[in-house]
Amino acid sequence: MKIRLIALLIGAAALLSACGNDKIIDGVKYNVYGIANMESQKDPNVLYEISASSVIWGIILCETIVVPVYIIGWDLWQPVRKR
């Protein structure tokens, strides 16, 4: 019972923490994005890269199913610099 509770708390903490980092470029804040919010968050004038920490957490927590879906959907690419 205790192990299950600890696993649930770790899972909840992982869901509430973002792996990718938002970035401020020339005074404008650019957010991370994934497949689900690509149309609303991606800026064509900014270069993005895949967040390595998001991929690693997605692999480590792949058995939870929820964490990889969240990462791929909303937290996969992070802004790097202007094009």
N, C-alpha and C. Protein backbone atom coordinates (compact mmCIF):
# COMPACT_ATOMS: atom_id res chain seq x y z
N MET A 1 0.82 -1.19 0.00
CA MET A 1 0.00 0.00 0.00
C MET A 1 0.86 1.26 0.00
N LYS A 2 1.92 1.27 0.82
CA LYS A 2 2.80 2.44 0.89
C LYS A 2 3.54 2.65 -0.43
N ILE A 3 3.96 1.56 -1.05
CA ILE A 3 4.68 1.67 -2.32
C ILE A 3 3.78 2.25 -3.39
N ARG A 4 2.53 1.83 -3.41
CA ARG A 4 1.58 2.34 -4.39
C ARG A 4 1.34 3.84 -4.18
N LEU A 5 1.23 4.27 -2.93
CA LEU A 5 1.04 5.68 -2.62
C LEU A 5 2.25 6.50 -3.04
N ILE A 6 3.43 5.99 -2.76
CA ILE A 6 4.66 6.70 -3.16
C ILE A 6 4.74 6.80 -4.68
N ALA A 7 4.40 5.72 -5.38
CA ALA A 7 4.41 5.74 -6.85
C ALA A 7 3.42 6.76 -7.39
N LEU A 8 2.24 6.85 -6.78
CA LEU A 8 1.26 7.84 -7.20
C LEU A 8 1.75 9.27 -6.96
N LEU A 9 2.39 9.51 -5.83
CA LEU A 9 2.92 10.84 -5.54
C LEU A 9 4.03 11.22 -6.51
N ILE A 10 4.90 10.28 -6.82
CA ILE A 10 5.97 10.56 -7.79
C ILE A 10 5.38 10.82 -9.16
N GLY A 11 4.38 10.05 -9.54
CA GLY A 11 3.72 10.27 -10.83
C GLY A 11 3.04 11.63 -10.90
N ALA A 12 2.37 12.03 -9.83
CA ALA A 12 1.72 13.34 -9.80
C ALA A 12 2.75 14.46 -9.87
N ALA A 13 3.86 14.30 -9.17
CA ALA A 13 4.91 15.32 -9.21
C ALA A 13 5.51 15.41 -10.61
N ALA A 14 5.69 14.29 -11.27
CA ALA A 14 6.24 14.30 -12.63
C ALA A 14 5.29 14.98 -13.60
N LEU A 15 4.00 14.78 -13.42
CA LEU A 15 3.02 15.42 -14.30
C LEU A 15 2.96 16.93 -14.10
N LEU A 16 3.20 17.37 -12.89
CA LEU A 16 3.11 18.79 -12.61
C LEU A 16 4.40 19.54 -12.92
N SER A 17 5.46 18.85 -13.19
CA SER A 17 6.73 19.51 -13.51
C SER A 17 7.01 19.41 -15.00
N ALA A 18 7.39 20.51 -15.58
CA ALA A 18 7.69 20.53 -17.01
C ALA A 18 9.16 20.25 -17.23
N CYS A 19 9.46 19.52 -18.26
CA CYS A 19 10.85 19.20 -18.57
C CYS A 19 11.47 20.23 -19.50
N GLY A 20 10.73 20.67 -20.49
CA GLY A 20 11.24 21.68 -21.41
C GLY A 20 11.23 23.05 -20.75
N ASN A 21 12.04 23.94 -21.25
CA ASN A 21 12.15 25.27 -20.66
C ASN A 21 11.61 26.32 -21.63
N ASP A 22 10.73 27.19 -21.12
CA ASP A 22 10.31 28.35 -21.89
C ASP A 22 11.52 29.28 -22.00
N LYS A 23 11.53 30.13 -23.01
CA LYS A 23 12.67 31.01 -23.19
C LYS A 23 12.20 32.40 -23.59
N ILE A 24 12.87 33.41 -23.06
CA ILE A 24 12.59 34.79 -23.42
C ILE A 24 13.65 35.23 -24.43
N ILE A 25 13.19 35.60 -25.63
CA ILE A 25 14.08 36.03 -26.71
C ILE A 25 13.63 37.42 -27.14
N ASP A 26 14.51 38.39 -27.03
CA ASP A 26 14.21 39.79 -27.38
C ASP A 26 12.97 40.30 -26.66
N GLY A 27 12.82 39.92 -25.40
CA GLY A 27 11.71 40.41 -24.59
C GLY A 27 10.39 39.68 -24.81
N VAL A 28 10.37 38.65 -25.65
CA VAL A 28 9.15 37.89 -25.91
C VAL A 28 9.33 36.48 -25.36
N LYS A 29 8.34 36.00 -24.62
CA LYS A 29 8.41 34.66 -24.05
C LYS A 29 7.86 33.65 -25.05
N TYR A 30 8.67 32.64 -25.35
CA TYR A 30 8.26 31.55 -26.23
C TYR A 30 8.13 30.29 -25.40
N ASN A 31 7.01 29.59 -25.56
CA ASN A 31 6.70 28.42 -24.75
C ASN A 31 7.12 27.13 -25.45
N VAL A 32 7.27 26.07 -24.65
CA VAL A 32 7.49 24.75 -25.20
C VAL A 32 6.19 24.30 -25.86
N TYR A 33 6.30 23.34 -26.77
CA TYR A 33 5.08 22.82 -27.39
C TYR A 33 5.26 21.35 -27.73
N GLY A 34 4.16 20.71 -28.02
CA GLY A 34 4.14 19.32 -28.44
C GLY A 34 3.20 19.16 -29.62
N ILE A 35 2.84 17.95 -29.91
CA ILE A 35 1.98 17.70 -31.07
C ILE A 35 0.59 18.28 -30.86
N ALA A 36 0.06 18.21 -29.65
CA ALA A 36 -1.31 18.65 -29.37
C ALA A 36 -1.48 20.17 -29.46
N ASN A 37 -0.46 20.93 -29.09
CA ASN A 37 -0.60 22.39 -29.11
C ASN A 37 0.37 23.07 -30.09
N MET A 38 0.78 22.35 -31.11
CA MET A 38 1.74 22.86 -32.08
C MET A 38 1.22 24.10 -32.80
N GLU A 39 -0.03 24.08 -33.21
CA GLU A 39 -0.58 25.18 -33.99
C GLU A 39 -0.69 26.47 -33.18
N SER A 40 -0.93 26.36 -31.88
CA SER A 40 -1.09 27.56 -31.08
C SER A 40 0.21 28.06 -30.45
N GLN A 41 1.21 27.21 -30.27
CA GLN A 41 2.43 27.60 -29.56
C GLN A 41 3.66 27.78 -30.44
N LYS A 42 3.74 27.11 -31.56
CA LYS A 42 4.94 27.16 -32.39
C LYS A 42 5.01 28.48 -33.15
N ASP A 43 6.17 29.13 -33.09
CA ASP A 43 6.42 30.37 -33.82
C ASP A 43 7.36 30.07 -34.97
N PRO A 44 7.00 30.42 -36.21
CA PRO A 44 7.87 30.09 -37.36
C PRO A 44 9.20 30.85 -37.37
N ASN A 45 9.32 31.90 -36.57
CA ASN A 45 10.56 32.69 -36.55
C ASN A 45 11.54 32.23 -35.48
N VAL A 46 11.20 31.17 -34.77
CA VAL A 46 12.04 30.67 -33.67
C VAL A 46 12.48 29.24 -34.01
N LEU A 47 13.74 28.95 -33.70
CA LEU A 47 14.28 27.61 -33.88
C LEU A 47 14.01 26.80 -32.60
N TYR A 48 13.45 25.61 -32.76
CA TYR A 48 13.13 24.73 -31.64
C TYR A 48 13.98 23.47 -31.72
N GLU A 49 14.20 22.83 -30.56
CA GLU A 49 14.89 21.54 -30.52
C GLU A 49 14.13 20.63 -29.56
N ILE A 50 14.30 19.34 -29.76
CA ILE A 50 13.65 18.38 -28.87
C ILE A 50 14.31 18.44 -27.50
N SER A 51 13.50 18.47 -26.47
CA SER A 51 13.99 18.53 -25.10
C SER A 51 14.48 17.14 -24.68
N ALA A 52 15.78 17.02 -24.43
CA ALA A 52 16.36 15.73 -24.05
C ALA A 52 15.80 15.24 -22.72
N SER A 53 15.61 16.15 -21.78
CA SER A 53 15.08 15.72 -20.48
C SER A 53 13.64 15.20 -20.62
N SER A 54 12.86 15.77 -21.51
CA SER A 54 11.50 15.27 -21.73
C SER A 54 11.53 13.86 -22.30
N VAL A 55 12.43 13.62 -23.24
CA VAL A 55 12.54 12.30 -23.84
C VAL A 55 12.99 11.27 -22.80
N ILE A 56 13.97 11.64 -21.99
CA ILE A 56 14.46 10.73 -20.96
C ILE A 56 13.36 10.39 -19.96
N TRP A 57 12.62 11.39 -19.48
CA TRP A 57 11.52 11.12 -18.55
C TRP A 57 10.43 10.30 -19.21
N GLY A 58 10.16 10.54 -20.48
CA GLY A 58 9.17 9.75 -21.20
C GLY A 58 9.57 8.29 -21.28
N ILE A 59 10.86 8.03 -21.49
CA ILE A 59 11.34 6.65 -21.55
C ILE A 59 11.31 6.00 -20.16
N ILE A 60 11.78 6.73 -19.16
CA ILE A 60 11.81 6.17 -17.80
C ILE A 60 10.40 5.85 -17.31
N LEU A 61 9.46 6.72 -17.59
CA LEU A 61 8.09 6.54 -17.09
C LEU A 61 7.13 6.02 -18.16
N CYS A 62 7.67 5.26 -19.13
CA CYS A 62 6.84 4.78 -20.24
C CYS A 62 5.73 3.83 -19.77
N GLU A 63 5.92 3.15 -18.68
CA GLU A 63 4.89 2.22 -18.21
C GLU A 63 3.67 2.94 -17.64
N THR A 64 3.80 4.21 -17.32
CA THR A 64 2.66 4.95 -16.79
C THR A 64 1.69 5.35 -17.89
N ILE A 65 2.12 5.37 -19.10
CA ILE A 65 1.37 5.75 -20.30
C ILE A 65 0.99 7.23 -20.28
N VAL A 66 0.60 7.77 -19.16
CA VAL A 66 0.16 9.16 -19.08
C VAL A 66 1.33 10.13 -19.30
N VAL A 67 2.47 9.87 -18.72
CA VAL A 67 3.61 10.78 -18.82
C VAL A 67 4.11 10.90 -20.26
N PRO A 68 4.34 9.80 -20.98
CA PRO A 68 4.77 9.96 -22.38
C PRO A 68 3.74 10.67 -23.25
N VAL A 69 2.46 10.41 -23.00
CA VAL A 69 1.41 11.10 -23.77
C VAL A 69 1.46 12.59 -23.50
N TYR A 70 1.62 12.99 -22.23
CA TYR A 70 1.73 14.40 -21.89
C TYR A 70 2.95 15.03 -22.56
N ILE A 71 4.09 14.36 -22.48
CA ILE A 71 5.33 14.92 -23.03
C ILE A 71 5.22 15.09 -24.53
N ILE A 72 4.76 14.06 -25.23
CA ILE A 72 4.63 14.15 -26.69
C ILE A 72 3.58 15.18 -27.08
N GLY A 73 2.53 15.27 -26.31
CA GLY A 73 1.43 16.19 -26.64
C GLY A 73 1.70 17.65 -26.34
N TRP A 74 2.39 17.95 -25.23
CA TRP A 74 2.49 19.34 -24.80
C TRP A 74 3.87 19.81 -24.38
N ASP A 75 4.89 18.97 -24.38
CA ASP A 75 6.17 19.39 -23.78
C ASP A 75 7.38 18.76 -24.46
N LEU A 76 7.36 18.64 -25.80
CA LEU A 76 8.44 17.93 -26.47
C LEU A 76 9.51 18.87 -27.03
N TRP A 77 9.12 19.96 -27.68
CA TRP A 77 10.08 20.87 -28.28
C TRP A 77 10.22 22.14 -27.44
N GLN A 78 11.44 22.62 -27.30
CA GLN A 78 11.70 23.84 -26.55
C GLN A 78 12.38 24.87 -27.45
N PRO A 79 12.10 26.16 -27.23
CA PRO A 79 12.71 27.20 -28.05
C PRO A 79 14.20 27.35 -27.76
N VAL A 80 14.97 27.65 -28.82
CA VAL A 80 16.42 27.80 -28.67
C VAL A 80 16.85 29.23 -28.99
N ARG A 81 16.50 29.70 -30.19
CA ARG A 81 16.91 31.05 -30.62
C ARG A 81 16.09 31.46 -31.83
N LYS A 82 16.23 32.72 -32.22
CA LYS A 82 15.57 33.21 -33.43
C LYS A 82 16.24 32.61 -34.65
N ARG A 83 15.50 32.47 -35.72
CA ARG A 83 16.05 31.97 -36.98
C ARG A 83 16.86 33.04 -37.67
